Amino acid sequence: MLDVSEDVRAEIGDEEAERLLGGVTAPGSYDCTSCRTPGDTDRERTSTVLFVGEETAVLAFAHAACIPSQVVAVPEEQLQGAVRSIQGEGEQAGAPQLPAPAAMPTLTAAPDGPVQAELGVTSGLVLIKGDQHPALVVEPLGPIARPGTTGPVDVFLPLLIEQGFAPVATVEQVPPPTPGWSVLLAMGQLHAILMPGVAGGQPSAWWQAHQAMQVAPEWRSAVNKTKRVLVFAAPVGTIGSQPREDLLREALDRAAAAGRLVAASMPLAGT
């Protein structure tokens, strides 16, 4: 009951993939690299997840219901920490701590010239027609100019609309899916929002956490049920830091009413 994606097979080779599928090197029991609860390859569908650095690769396992089989690129020096944990110097063997991505990607230019665009990301549950949906709210820490320009116009929302995000008139509707975008959640932590690759290539990180972001158990439980995340985005100064989910919802409603909110529905990475 093991799933080995084509990307993972390409990395580990056909021979090793067949050994895994044949049960020769499959782990039997394991700790899910996403939700960290026990799994059993003999009783439930299991995904192979390959963490790849410059010189090192670590093969981990996850419930197929949590994340699909995929290859995840991580910095080499951080992957070495996972190797040490597998060898018994840290985490329980078979459940390495997934390294956090190292840096924010360059999103666009800012008014003072090209810089890395810092994005604030908040997780929370959003109630829509009586159902709770796992959501992320993205707000830049400064105005966003179009790549290659220096502003001063903030074009954060137009740039996202060009990428398939939809303007939100009311938060009472689930936003449409945005092809090629996904949310990377691994080992129960949020790592990145991925955007489509150039010319059909591998997806790239639109946003990466400086350190893996913890999400509430209720949020993780909800995303395991829905298999999708609602991603809302607003210009700088629109949402702000809200300490409670009810206040976050009120801020989203105000942003939608003012025409300052876009959103998309995204699957977990690799789906």
C-alpha atoms as a PDB file:
ATOM      1  CA  MET A   1       0.000   0.000   0.000  1.00  0.00           C
ATOM      2  CA  LEU A   2       2.966   2.256  -0.686  1.00  0.00           C
ATOM      3  CA  ASP A   3       2.830   5.175  -3.137  1.00  0.00           C
ATOM      4  CA  VAL A   4       6.020   6.143  -4.973  1.00  0.00           C
ATOM      5  CA  SER A   5       5.544   9.184  -7.226  1.00  0.00           C
ATOM      6  CA  GLU A   6       7.352   9.514 -10.539  1.00  0.00           C
ATOM      7  CA  ASP A   7       9.483  12.315  -9.077  1.00  0.00           C
ATOM      8  CA  VAL A   8      10.575  10.123  -6.167  1.00  0.00           C
ATOM      9  CA  ARG A   9      11.220   7.175  -8.518  1.00  0.00           C
ATOM     10  CA  ALA A  10      13.393   9.383 -10.719  1.00  0.00           C
ATOM     11  CA  GLU A  11      15.517  10.322  -7.704  1.00  0.00           C
ATOM     12  CA  ILE A  12      15.916   6.894  -6.084  1.00  0.00           C
ATOM     13  CA  GLY A  13      15.961   4.796  -9.259  1.00  0.00           C
ATOM     14  CA  ASP A  14      13.677   2.046 -10.533  1.00  0.00           C
ATOM     15  CA  GLU A  15      15.439  -0.718  -8.612  1.00  0.00           C
ATOM     16  CA  GLU A  16      15.022   0.909  -5.206  1.00  0.00           C
ATOM     17  CA  ALA A  17      11.458   1.945  -6.055  1.00  0.00           C
ATOM     18  CA  GLU A  18      10.563  -1.661  -6.838  1.00  0.00           C
ATOM     19  CA  ARG A  19      12.226  -2.839  -3.621  1.00  0.00           C
ATOM     20  CA  LEU A  20      10.052  -0.402  -1.704  1.00  0.00           C
ATOM     21  CA  LEU A  21       6.877  -1.385  -3.532  1.00  0.00           C
ATOM     22  CA  GLY A  22       7.703  -5.043  -3.071  1.00  0.00           C
ATOM     23  CA  GLY A  23       8.039  -4.595   0.675  1.00  0.00           C
ATOM     24  CA  VAL A  24      11.754  -5.410   0.776  1.00  0.00           C
ATOM     25  CA  THR A  25      12.803  -2.004   2.142  1.00  0.00           C
ATOM     26  CA  ALA A  26       9.396  -0.659   3.204  1.00  0.00           C
ATOM     27  CA  PRO A  27       9.400   0.298   6.897  1.00  0.00           C
ATOM     28  CA  GLY A  28       6.238  -1.502   8.022  1.00  0.00           C
ATOM     29  CA  SER A  29       5.378   0.831  10.888  1.00  0.00           C
ATOM     30  CA  TYR A  30       6.500   4.467  10.796  1.00  0.00           C
ATOM     31  CA  ASP A  31       5.782   7.913  12.226  1.00  0.00           C
ATOM     32  CA  CYS A  32       4.016  10.082   9.641  1.00  0.00           C
ATOM     33  CA  THR A  33       6.294  12.913   8.508  1.00  0.00           C
ATOM     34  CA  SER A  34       3.239  15.181   8.320  1.00  0.00           C
ATOM     35  CA  CYS A  35       1.023  14.573  11.347  1.00  0.00           C
ATOM     36  CA  ARG A  36       3.621  12.617  13.396  1.00  0.00           C
ATOM     37  CA  THR A  37       1.157   9.883  14.339  1.00  0.00           C
ATOM     38  CA  PRO A  38       1.939   6.181  13.757  1.00  0.00           C
ATOM     39  CA  GLY A  39       1.334   4.604  10.366  1.00  0.00           C
ATOM     40  CA  ASP A  40       1.536   1.102   8.921  1.00  0.00           C
ATOM     41  CA  THR A  41       2.414   0.426   5.285  1.00  0.00           C
ATOM     42  CA  ASP A  42       0.671  -2.953   5.486  1.00  0.00           C
ATOM     43  CA  ARG A  43      -2.676  -1.496   6.543  1.00  0.00           C
ATOM     44  CA  GLU A  44      -3.022   2.000   5.066  1.00  0.00           C
ATOM     45  CA  ARG A  45      -1.929   3.844   1.971  1.00  0.00           C
ATOM     46  CA  THR A  46       1.442   5.451   2.608  1.00  0.00           C
ATOM     47  CA  SER A  47       3.346   8.133   0.681  1.00  0.00           C
ATOM     48  CA  THR A  48       7.101   8.128   0.196  1.00  0.00           C
ATOM     49  CA  VAL A  49       8.514  11.628   0.751  1.00  0.00           C
ATOM     50  CA  LEU A  50      12.101  12.259  -0.328  1.00  0.00           C
ATOM     51  CA  PHE A  51      13.908  15.229   1.236  1.00  0.00           C
ATOM     52  CA  VAL A  52      16.812  16.188  -1.042  1.00  0.00           C
ATOM     53  CA  GLY A  53      19.787  18.445  -0.331  1.00  0.00           C
ATOM     54  CA  GLU A  54      22.889  19.143  -2.408  1.00  0.00           C
ATOM     55  CA  GLU A  55      24.578  15.865  -1.459  1.00  0.00           C
ATOM     56  CA  THR A  56      22.197  14.146   0.960  1.00  0.00           C
ATOM     57  CA  ALA A  57      18.748  12.618   0.617  1.00  0.00           C
ATOM     58  CA  VAL A  58      16.418  11.345   3.338  1.00  0.00           C
ATOM     59  CA  LEU A  59      13.467   9.098   2.540  1.00  0.00           C
ATOM     60  CA  ALA A  60      10.531   9.499   4.918  1.00  0.00           C
ATOM     61  CA  PHE A  61       6.971   8.179   4.995  1.00  0.00           C
ATOM     62  CA  ALA A  62       3.572   9.777   5.513  1.00  0.00           C
ATOM     63  CA  HIS A  63      -0.077   8.837   5.509  1.00  0.00           C
ATOM     64  CA  ALA A  64      -1.332   9.270   1.944  1.00  0.00           C
ATOM     65  CA  ALA A  65      -4.285  11.125   3.466  1.00  0.00           C
ATOM     66  CA  CYS A  66      -1.868  13.730   4.875  1.00  0.00           C
ATOM     67  CA  ILE A  67       0.428  14.455   1.926  1.00  0.00           C
ATOM     68  CA  PRO A  68       1.140  12.804  -1.434  1.00  0.00           C
ATOM     69  CA  SER A  69       4.389  11.174  -2.447  1.00  0.00           C
ATOM     70  CA  GLN A  70       6.772  13.924  -3.525  1.00  0.00           C
ATOM     71  CA  VAL A  71      10.325  15.288  -3.579  1.00  0.00           C
ATOM     72  CA  VAL A  72      11.039  18.220  -1.231  1.00  0.00           C
ATOM     73  CA  ALA A  73      14.233  20.251  -1.721  1.00  0.00           C
ATOM     74  CA  VAL A  74      15.857  21.490   1.505  1.00  0.00           C
ATOM     75  CA  PRO A  75      19.221  23.103   2.325  1.00  0.00           C
ATOM     76  CA  GLU A  76      22.033  20.564   2.705  1.00  0.00           C
ATOM     77  CA  GLU A  77      23.226  21.781   6.107  1.00  0.00           C
ATOM     78  CA  GLN A  78      19.739  21.481   7.541  1.00  0.00           C
ATOM     79  CA  LEU A  79      19.183  18.071   6.009  1.00  0.00           C
ATOM     80  CA  GLN A  80      22.277  16.872   7.850  1.00  0.00           C
ATOM     81  CA  GLY A  81      20.362  17.520  11.083  1.00  0.00           C
ATOM     82  CA  ALA A  82      17.670  15.114   9.909  1.00  0.00           C
ATOM     83  CA  VAL A  83      20.335  12.508   9.166  1.00  0.00           C
ATOM     84  CA  ARG A  84      21.739  12.876  12.671  1.00  0.00           C
ATOM     85  CA  SER A  85      18.275  12.483  14.155  1.00  0.00           C
ATOM     86  CA  ILE A  86      17.694   9.288  12.168  1.00  0.00           C
ATOM     87  CA  GLN A  87      20.961   7.988  13.581  1.00  0.00           C
ATOM     88  CA  GLY A  88      19.577   8.491  17.063  1.00  0.00           C
ATOM     89  CA  GLU A  89      21.124  11.846  17.959  1.00  0.00           C
ATOM     90  CA  GLY A  90      17.795  13.654  18.110  1.00  0.00           C
ATOM     91  CA  GLU A  91      14.331  12.604  16.968  1.00  0.00           C
ATOM     92  CA  GLN A  92      13.127   9.014  16.975  1.00  0.00           C
ATOM     93  CA  ALA A  93      14.524   7.078  14.016  1.00  0.00           C
ATOM     94  CA  GLY A  94      12.167   7.142  11.067  1.00  0.00           C
ATOM     95  CA  ALA A  95      10.671  10.488  12.057  1.00  0.00           C
ATOM     96  CA  PRO A  96      13.301  13.129  11.234  1.00  0.00           C
ATOM     97  CA  GLN A  97      12.642  16.780  11.920  1.00  0.00           C
ATOM     98  CA  LEU A  98      11.981  18.355   8.548  1.00  0.00           C
ATOM     99  CA  PRO A  99      14.395  21.259   8.046  1.00  0.00           C
ATOM    100  CA  ALA A 100      12.813  24.660   7.611  1.00  0.00           C
ATOM    101  CA  PRO A 101      13.398  26.421   4.271  1.00  0.00           C
ATOM    102  CA  ALA A 102      16.242  28.865   4.543  1.00  0.00           C
ATOM    103  CA  ALA A 103      15.143  32.073   2.893  1.00  0.00           C
ATOM    104  CA  MET A 104      12.287  34.102   1.538  1.00  0.00           C
ATOM    105  CA  PRO A 105      12.008  34.110  -2.248  1.00  0.00           C
ATOM    106  CA  THR A 106      12.184  37.326  -4.230  1.00  0.00           C
ATOM    107  CA  LEU A 107       8.575  38.178  -4.974  1.00  0.00           C
ATOM    108  CA  THR A 108       8.887  41.531  -6.673  1.00  0.00           C
ATOM    109  CA  ALA A 109      10.383  44.988  -6.324  1.00  0.00           C
ATOM    110  CA  ALA A 110       9.630  47.555  -3.658  1.00  0.00           C
ATOM    111  CA  PRO A 111       9.419  51.362  -3.873  1.00  0.00           C
ATOM    112  CA  ASP A 112      13.099  51.808  -2.986  1.00  0.00           C
ATOM    113  CA  GLY A 113      14.297  49.260  -5.541  1.00  0.00           C
ATOM    114  CA  PRO A 114      14.406  45.482  -5.978  1.00  0.00           C
ATOM    115  CA  VAL A 115      14.439  43.690  -2.602  1.00  0.00           C
ATOM    116  CA  GLN A 116      13.023  40.539  -1.140  1.00  0.00           C
ATOM    117  CA  ALA A 117       9.346  41.077  -0.412  1.00  0.00           C
ATOM    118  CA  GLU A 118       8.558  40.103   3.161  1.00  0.00           C
ATOM    119  CA  LEU A 119       5.139  38.529   3.596  1.00  0.00           C
ATOM    120  CA  GLY A 120       3.287  38.023   6.855  1.00  0.00           C
ATOM    121  CA  VAL A 121       1.289  34.789   6.981  1.00  0.00           C
ATOM    122  CA  THR A 122      -1.357  33.938   9.575  1.00  0.00           C
ATOM    123  CA  SER A 123      -3.192  30.612   9.882  1.00  0.00           C
ATOM    124  CA  GLY A 124      -6.721  30.252  11.158  1.00  0.00           C
ATOM    125  CA  LEU A 125     -10.081  28.572  10.664  1.00  0.00           C
ATOM    126  CA  VAL A 126     -12.660  30.481   8.636  1.00  0.00           C
ATOM    127  CA  LEU A 127     -16.358  29.665   9.009  1.00  0.00           C
ATOM    128  CA  ILE A 128     -18.181  29.502   5.656  1.00  0.00           C
ATOM    129  CA  LYS A 129     -21.795  28.384   5.524  1.00  0.00           C
ATOM    130  CA  GLY A 130     -21.481  26.517   8.798  1.00  0.00           C
ATOM    131  CA  ASP A 131     -18.267  24.667   7.905  1.00  0.00           C
ATOM    132  CA  GLN A 132     -14.792  25.455   9.229  1.00  0.00           C
ATOM    133  CA  HIS A 133     -12.125  25.770   6.541  1.00  0.00           C
ATOM    134  CA  PRO A 134      -8.363  25.903   7.132  1.00  0.00           C
ATOM    135  CA  ALA A 135      -7.094  29.233   5.849  1.00  0.00           C
ATOM    136  CA  LEU A 136      -3.939  31.282   5.463  1.00  0.00           C
ATOM    137  CA  VAL A 137      -3.998  35.063   5.360  1.00  0.00           C
ATOM    138  CA  VAL A 138      -1.100  36.705   3.503  1.00  0.00           C
ATOM    139  CA  GLU A 139      -0.226  40.382   3.899  1.00  0.00           C
ATOM    140  CA  PRO A 140       3.046  41.988   2.754  1.00  0.00           C
ATOM    141  CA  LEU A 141       5.004  44.084   5.203  1.00  0.00           C
ATOM    142  CA  GLY A 142       5.331  46.906   2.683  1.00  0.00           C
ATOM    143  CA  PRO A 143       3.921  48.089  -0.668  1.00  0.00           C
ATOM    144  CA  ILE A 144       4.560  45.766  -3.608  1.00  0.00           C
ATOM    145  CA  ALA A 145       5.640  47.144  -6.987  1.00  0.00           C
ATOM    146  CA  ARG A 146       5.650  45.293 -10.282  1.00  0.00           C
ATOM    147  CA  PRO A 147       8.936  43.434 -10.991  1.00  0.00           C
ATOM    148  CA  GLY A 148      11.357  45.668 -12.837  1.00  0.00           C
ATOM    149  CA  THR A 149       9.805  48.877 -11.543  1.00  0.00           C
ATOM    150  CA  THR A 150      10.218  50.959  -8.420  1.00  0.00           C
ATOM    151  CA  GLY A 151       6.573  51.833  -7.794  1.00  0.00           C
ATOM    152  CA  PRO A 152       5.130  53.803  -6.119  1.00  0.00           C
ATOM    153  CA  VAL A 153       1.823  52.056  -6.932  1.00  0.00           C
ATOM    154  CA  ASP A 154       1.065  48.993  -4.759  1.00  0.00           C
ATOM    155  CA  VAL A 155       0.130  46.234  -7.240  1.00  0.00           C
ATOM    156  CA  PHE A 156       0.063  43.280  -4.840  1.00  0.00           C
ATOM    157  CA  LEU A 157      -3.551  42.375  -5.636  1.00  0.00           C
ATOM    158  CA  PRO A 158      -3.313  42.876  -9.433  1.00  0.00           C
ATOM    159  CA  LEU A 159      -0.226  40.656  -9.519  1.00  0.00           C
ATOM    160  CA  LEU A 160      -2.101  37.888  -7.697  1.00  0.00           C
ATOM    161  CA  ILE A 161      -5.178  38.272  -9.889  1.00  0.00           C
ATOM    162  CA  GLU A 162      -2.903  37.777 -12.897  1.00  0.00           C
ATOM    163  CA  GLN A 163      -1.798  34.517 -11.270  1.00  0.00           C
ATOM    164  CA  GLY A 164      -5.360  33.254 -10.899  1.00  0.00           C
ATOM    165  CA  PHE A 165      -6.450  34.597  -7.508  1.00  0.00           C
ATOM    166  CA  ALA A 166     -10.046  35.820  -7.460  1.00  0.00           C
ATOM    167  CA  PRO A 167     -11.332  39.100  -5.992  1.00  0.00           C
ATOM    168  CA  VAL A 168     -13.401  38.445  -2.868  1.00  0.00           C
ATOM    169  CA  ALA A 169     -16.700  40.284  -2.508  1.00  0.00           C
ATOM    170  CA  THR A 170     -17.776  38.218   0.489  1.00  0.00           C
ATOM    171  CA  VAL A 171     -15.988  35.708   2.693  1.00  0.00           C
ATOM    172  CA  GLU A 172     -19.168  33.597   2.703  1.00  0.00           C
ATOM    173  CA  GLN A 173     -18.047  31.869  -0.506  1.00  0.00           C
ATOM    174  CA  VAL A 174     -15.261  29.302  -0.896  1.00  0.00           C
ATOM    175  CA  PRO A 175     -12.756  30.797  -3.369  1.00  0.00           C
ATOM    176  CA  PRO A 176     -12.075  28.922  -6.622  1.00  0.00           C
ATOM    177  CA  PRO A 177      -9.005  26.704  -7.067  1.00  0.00           C
ATOM    178  CA  THR A 178      -5.882  28.190  -8.629  1.00  0.00           C
ATOM    179  CA  PRO A 179      -4.165  25.637 -10.920  1.00  0.00           C
ATOM    180  CA  GLY A 180      -0.538  24.923 -10.126  1.00  0.00           C
ATOM    181  CA  TRP A 181      -0.538  26.553  -6.681  1.00  0.00           C
ATOM    182  CA  SER A 182      -0.319  24.459  -3.517  1.00  0.00           C
ATOM    183  CA  VAL A 183       0.513  24.607   0.185  1.00  0.00           C
ATOM    184  CA  LEU A 184       3.385  22.559   1.610  1.00  0.00           C
ATOM    185  CA  LEU A 185       2.493  21.140   5.022  1.00  0.00           C
ATOM    186  CA  ALA A 186       4.912  18.545   6.357  1.00  0.00           C
ATOM    187  CA  MET A 187       5.325  16.975   9.781  1.00  0.00           C
ATOM    188  CA  GLY A 188       2.336  18.989  10.944  1.00  0.00           C
ATOM    189  CA  GLN A 189       4.057  22.304  10.170  1.00  0.00           C
ATOM    190  CA  LEU A 190       3.601  24.903   7.447  1.00  0.00           C
ATOM    191  CA  HIS A 191       6.615  25.317   5.202  1.00  0.00           C
ATOM    192  CA  ALA A 192       5.696  27.095   1.995  1.00  0.00           C
ATOM    193  CA  ILE A 193       3.142  28.284  -0.522  1.00  0.00           C
ATOM    194  CA  LEU A 194       4.199  26.985  -3.927  1.00  0.00           C
ATOM    195  CA  MET A 195       3.463  28.603  -7.281  1.00  0.00           C
ATOM    196  CA  PRO A 196       3.586  27.036 -10.761  1.00  0.00           C
ATOM    197  CA  GLY A 197       7.021  26.515 -12.257  1.00  0.00           C
ATOM    198  CA  VAL A 198       8.177  28.338 -15.368  1.00  0.00           C
ATOM    199  CA  ALA A 199       7.273  26.615 -18.648  1.00  0.00           C
ATOM    200  CA  GLY A 200       5.744  23.652 -16.877  1.00  0.00           C
ATOM    201  CA  GLY A 201       8.758  23.075 -14.622  1.00  0.00           C
ATOM    202  CA  GLN A 202       8.815  22.178 -10.951  1.00  0.00           C
ATOM    203  CA  PRO A 203       6.781  24.456  -8.657  1.00  0.00           C
ATOM    204  CA  SER A 204       8.766  27.148  -6.878  1.00  0.00           C
ATOM    205  CA  ALA A 205       8.257  28.766  -3.498  1.00  0.00           C
ATOM    206  CA  TRP A 206       6.222  31.970  -3.635  1.00  0.00           C
ATOM    207  CA  TRP A 207       6.508  32.186   0.151  1.00  0.00           C
ATOM    208  CA  GLN A 208       8.717  30.157   2.483  1.00  0.00           C
ATOM    209  CA  ALA A 209       8.717  30.184   6.257  1.00  0.00           C
ATOM    210  CA  HIS A 210      11.963  31.380   7.837  1.00  0.00           C
ATOM    211  CA  GLN A 211      11.295  28.580  10.308  1.00  0.00           C
ATOM    212  CA  ALA A 212       8.634  25.929   9.942  1.00  0.00           C
ATOM    213  CA  MET A 213       5.382  27.434  11.208  1.00  0.00           C
ATOM    214  CA  GLN A 214       3.391  25.599  13.835  1.00  0.00           C
ATOM    215  CA  VAL A 215      -0.343  25.336  13.153  1.00  0.00           C
ATOM    216  CA  ALA A 216      -3.052  24.539  15.675  1.00  0.00           C
ATOM    217  CA  PRO A 217      -4.184  20.898  15.953  1.00  0.00           C
ATOM    218  CA  GLU A 218      -7.681  22.022  14.929  1.00  0.00           C
ATOM    219  CA  TRP A 219      -6.275  23.616  11.771  1.00  0.00           C
ATOM    220  CA  ARG A 220      -4.276  20.496  10.928  1.00  0.00           C
ATOM    221  CA  SER A 221      -7.312  18.297  11.551  1.00  0.00           C
ATOM    222  CA  ALA A 222      -9.426  20.471   9.266  1.00  0.00           C
ATOM    223  CA  VAL A 223      -6.909  20.405   6.422  1.00  0.00           C
ATOM    224  CA  ASN A 224      -6.622  16.625   6.685  1.00  0.00           C
ATOM    225  CA  LYS A 225     -10.386  16.485   6.091  1.00  0.00           C
ATOM    226  CA  THR A 226     -10.737  19.065   3.334  1.00  0.00           C
ATOM    227  CA  LYS A 227      -7.387  18.395   1.593  1.00  0.00           C
ATOM    228  CA  ARG A 228      -7.280  22.078   0.670  1.00  0.00           C
ATOM    229  CA  VAL A 229      -6.320  25.433   2.161  1.00  0.00           C
ATOM    230  CA  LEU A 230      -8.045  28.747   1.504  1.00  0.00           C
ATOM    231  CA  VAL A 231      -5.418  31.432   0.913  1.00  0.00           C
ATOM    232  CA  PHE A 232      -6.555  35.039   1.370  1.00  0.00           C
ATOM    233  CA  ALA A 233      -4.304  37.970   0.452  1.00  0.00           C
ATOM    234  CA  ALA A 234      -4.618  41.698   1.164  1.00  0.00           C
ATOM    235  CA  PRO A 235      -2.376  44.763   0.700  1.00  0.00           C
ATOM    236  CA  VAL A 236      -0.134  46.017   3.484  1.00  0.00           C
ATOM    237  CA  GLY A 237      -2.023  47.552   6.397  1.00  0.00           C
ATOM    238  CA  THR A 238      -5.351  45.901   5.555  1.00  0.00           C
ATOM    239  CA  ILE A 239      -5.599  42.973   7.989  1.00  0.00           C
ATOM    240  CA  GLY A 240      -2.937  43.567  10.612  1.00  0.00           C
ATOM    241  CA  SER A 241      -2.056  41.237  13.479  1.00  0.00           C
ATOM    242  CA  GLN A 242      -5.233  39.769  14.936  1.00  0.00           C
ATOM    243  CA  PRO A 243      -4.943  37.755  18.179  1.00  0.00           C
ATOM    244  CA  ARG A 244      -8.195  35.806  17.734  1.00  0.00           C
ATOM    245  CA  GLU A 245      -9.920  34.072  14.846  1.00  0.00           C
ATOM    246  CA  ASP A 246     -13.128  36.084  15.292  1.00  0.00           C
ATOM    247  CA  LEU A 247     -11.136  39.319  14.958  1.00  0.00           C
ATOM    248  CA  LEU A 248      -9.315  37.899  11.936  1.00  0.00           C
ATOM    249  CA  ARG A 249     -12.667  37.121  10.325  1.00  0.00           C
ATOM    250  CA  GLU A 250     -13.914  40.644  11.001  1.00  0.00           C
ATOM    251  CA  ALA A 251     -10.782  42.048   9.341  1.00  0.00           C
ATOM    252  CA  LEU A 252     -11.328  39.781   6.318  1.00  0.00           C
ATOM    253  CA  ASP A 253     -14.935  40.907   6.036  1.00  0.00           C
ATOM    254  CA  ARG A 254     -13.868  44.571   6.138  1.00  0.00           C
ATOM    255  CA  ALA A 255     -11.187  43.973   3.494  1.00  0.00           C
ATOM    256  CA  ALA A 256     -13.683  42.188   1.221  1.00  0.00           C
ATOM    257  CA  ALA A 257     -16.235  44.991   1.602  1.00  0.00           C
ATOM    258  CA  ALA A 258     -13.533  47.520   0.675  1.00  0.00           C
ATOM    259  CA  GLY A 259     -12.469  45.539  -2.416  1.00  0.00           C
ATOM    260  CA  ARG A 260      -9.044  44.861  -0.908  1.00  0.00           C
ATOM    261  CA  LEU A 261      -9.078  41.057  -0.707  1.00  0.00           C
ATOM    262  CA  VAL A 262      -8.297  38.221  -3.126  1.00  0.00           C
ATOM    263  CA  ALA A 263      -8.285  34.499  -2.476  1.00  0.00           C
ATOM    264  CA  ALA A 264      -7.684  31.068  -3.902  1.00  0.00           C
ATOM    265  CA  SER A 265      -8.275  27.477  -2.851  1.00  0.00           C
ATOM    266  CA  MET A 266      -5.126  25.338  -2.905  1.00  0.00           C
ATOM    267  CA  PRO A 267      -4.436  21.638  -2.408  1.00  0.00           C
ATOM    268  CA  LEU A 268      -1.597  20.320  -0.307  1.00  0.00           C
ATOM    269  CA  ALA A 269       1.695  20.293  -2.217  1.00  0.00           C
ATOM    270  CA  GLY A 270       1.915  17.625  -4.873  1.00  0.00           C
ATOM    271  CA  THR A 271      -1.792  17.022  -5.281  1.00  0.00           C
END
